[in-house]
Amino acid sequence: MPVRARYSLVLLLGFASTALVTPTSLGMDHLSQDTAVVVIQGRQFIPARTVLHRGRRTTLSFKNQDAELHAVMPYGLFAGMTPSISGNSAVEFEGEGFKRVIIPPDGVASFEFTPTAPGDHRYICDMPGHNMHGIIAVE
């Protein structure tokens, strides 16, 4: 029987601020899914660039380790879809669907979806005075 791979996050910190999703074998009873985590700390998204795989079921989590509210407002990543969002965050919608999620201190927002739009998708924290931005790259 073939062994299915589960993907886990490997962080490369320092000068190459990119998260890569890489395979690790966990046995045949696990479903194949990608997982990536972005930490919010010191008014920064860490890593600044996260790579996801097109067409693979993905859980993308944002964990706020700051003592203030932060928001995640992606551009184009969820176009034409409605992601499943969990955690202790506040989700905002507008006419076209999902707009942003506001994450409290020590909070988390997790998106479950299958990335379909390849390319670099910018996201920001649009809270007043916060100059935070990152990239989700779908390859």
Protein backbone atom coordinates (compact mmCIF):
# COMPACT_ATOMS: atom_id res chain seq x y z
CA MET A 1 0.00 0.00 0.00
CA PRO A 2 1.32 3.47 -0.80
CA VAL A 3 2.22 5.78 2.05
CA ARG A 4 0.51 9.19 1.96
CA ALA A 5 2.51 12.24 2.91
CA ARG A 6 1.35 15.01 5.20
CA TYR A 7 2.91 18.41 4.75
CA SER A 8 4.22 20.45 7.64
CA LEU A 9 5.69 23.90 7.99
CA VAL A 10 9.41 24.51 7.92
CA LEU A 11 10.42 28.05 8.84
CA LEU A 12 13.53 29.60 7.44
CA LEU A 13 14.10 32.64 9.59
CA GLY A 14 16.73 35.30 9.31
CA PHE A 15 17.50 36.76 5.91
CA ALA A 16 15.28 34.36 3.97
CA SER A 17 11.95 35.15 5.62
CA THR A 18 9.94 32.49 3.78
CA ALA A 19 7.85 29.59 5.03
CA LEU A 20 8.03 26.50 2.88
CA VAL A 21 5.58 23.64 3.10
CA THR A 22 7.51 20.37 2.87
CA PRO A 23 6.47 16.70 3.02
CA THR A 24 6.93 14.40 5.99
CA SER A 25 5.65 10.84 5.98
CA LEU A 26 3.14 10.11 8.75
CA GLY A 27 1.75 6.76 7.57
CA MET A 28 -1.16 5.66 5.43
CA ASP A 29 -3.99 6.54 7.83
CA HIS A 30 -3.43 10.33 7.60
CA LEU A 31 -5.07 12.47 4.93
CA SER A 32 -2.77 14.51 2.77
CA GLN A 33 -3.02 18.22 3.65
CA ASP A 34 -0.71 21.25 3.76
CA THR A 35 -0.33 23.32 6.92
CA ALA A 36 1.31 26.74 7.24
CA VAL A 37 1.55 29.09 10.22
CA VAL A 38 2.21 32.83 10.19
CA VAL A 39 3.10 34.38 13.55
CA ILE A 40 2.20 38.00 14.24
CA GLN A 41 4.79 39.50 16.56
CA GLY A 42 6.29 42.97 16.98
CA ARG A 43 3.88 44.33 14.34
CA GLN A 44 5.34 41.93 11.76
CA PHE A 45 4.09 38.87 9.92
CA ILE A 46 6.68 36.10 10.41
CA PRO A 47 7.53 34.84 7.88
CA ALA A 48 6.88 37.68 5.45
CA ARG A 49 6.35 35.19 2.58
CA THR A 50 4.54 31.86 2.79
CA VAL A 51 4.45 29.33 -0.04
CA LEU A 52 1.34 27.19 -0.61
CA HIS A 53 0.67 24.54 -3.25
CA ARG A 54 -2.08 25.06 -5.81
CA GLY A 55 -4.81 22.45 -5.71
CA ARG A 56 -3.86 20.99 -2.29
CA ARG A 57 -6.16 21.22 0.72
CA THR A 58 -4.50 23.73 3.09
CA THR A 59 -4.81 25.03 6.64
CA LEU A 60 -3.27 28.50 6.91
CA SER A 61 -3.14 29.84 10.48
CA PHE A 62 -2.31 33.32 11.74
CA LYS A 63 -1.28 33.47 15.43
CA ASN A 64 -1.25 36.89 17.12
CA GLN A 65 1.47 37.03 19.79
CA ASP A 66 1.24 40.82 20.23
CA ALA A 67 -0.69 42.57 23.01
CA GLU A 68 -2.89 44.43 20.48
CA LEU A 69 -5.50 43.61 17.84
CA HIS A 70 -4.31 42.82 14.32
CA ALA A 71 -6.17 42.18 11.09
CA VAL A 72 -5.44 39.98 8.09
CA MET A 73 -6.84 41.35 4.84
CA PRO A 74 -5.78 39.27 1.80
CA TYR A 75 -6.07 40.43 -1.80
CA GLY A 76 -7.21 37.82 -4.34
CA LEU A 77 -6.28 34.71 -2.35
CA PHE A 78 -9.90 33.69 -1.72
CA ALA A 79 -11.37 35.00 -4.99
CA GLY A 80 -14.37 32.92 -6.01
CA MET A 81 -14.39 30.80 -2.85
CA THR A 82 -15.51 30.92 0.75
CA PRO A 83 -12.82 29.55 3.07
CA SER A 84 -13.71 27.80 6.30
CA ILE A 85 -12.43 30.05 9.12
CA SER A 86 -11.95 28.93 12.71
CA GLY A 87 -10.32 30.31 15.85
CA ASN A 88 -11.14 33.08 18.30
CA SER A 89 -11.16 35.90 15.76
CA ALA A 90 -13.83 38.20 14.29
CA VAL A 91 -14.57 37.67 10.60
CA GLU A 92 -15.83 40.55 8.44
CA PHE A 93 -17.67 40.16 5.13
CA GLU A 94 -18.67 42.63 2.45
CA GLY A 95 -20.59 42.46 -0.84
CA GLU A 96 -18.19 40.04 -2.56
CA GLY A 97 -17.70 37.80 0.49
CA PHE A 98 -14.80 37.59 2.93
CA LYS A 99 -13.11 40.94 3.65
CA ARG A 100 -10.80 40.46 6.64
CA VAL A 101 -10.36 38.80 10.01
CA ILE A 102 -9.51 40.65 13.22
CA ILE A 103 -7.35 38.64 15.61
CA PRO A 104 -7.18 39.48 19.34
CA PRO A 105 -4.01 39.26 21.46
CA ASP A 106 -3.01 35.59 21.86
CA GLY A 107 -5.67 34.78 19.27
CA VAL A 108 -5.65 32.65 16.15
CA ALA A 109 -7.44 32.58 12.82
CA SER A 110 -7.20 29.42 10.72
CA PHE A 111 -8.33 29.24 7.10
CA GLU A 112 -9.09 25.88 5.51
CA PHE A 113 -9.26 26.03 1.72
CA THR A 114 -7.74 24.76 -1.50
CA PRO A 115 -5.62 27.45 -3.20
CA THR A 116 -6.60 27.82 -6.86
CA ALA A 117 -5.19 31.19 -8.01
CA PRO A 118 -1.44 30.90 -8.68
CA GLY A 119 0.89 33.82 -8.03
CA ASP A 120 1.77 36.15 -5.19
CA HIS A 121 -1.17 37.32 -3.07
CA ARG A 122 -0.48 40.31 -0.85
CA TYR A 123 -2.10 40.69 2.55
CA ILE A 124 -1.97 43.50 5.11
CA CYS A 125 -2.98 44.47 8.62
CA ASP A 126 -5.19 47.50 8.06
CA MET A 127 -5.44 48.59 11.70
CA PRO A 128 -4.67 52.33 12.10
CA GLY A 129 -0.93 52.94 12.35
CA HIS A 130 0.06 49.37 11.51
CA ASN A 131 2.34 49.10 8.49
CA MET A 132 2.29 45.33 8.20
CA HIS A 133 2.25 43.29 5.01
CA GLY A 134 3.06 39.82 3.78
CA ILE A 135 2.78 37.55 0.75
CA ILE A 136 1.09 34.21 0.21
CA ALA A 137 2.67 32.62 -2.87
CA VAL A 138 0.62 29.89 -4.54
CA GLU A 139 2.78 27.65 -6.75
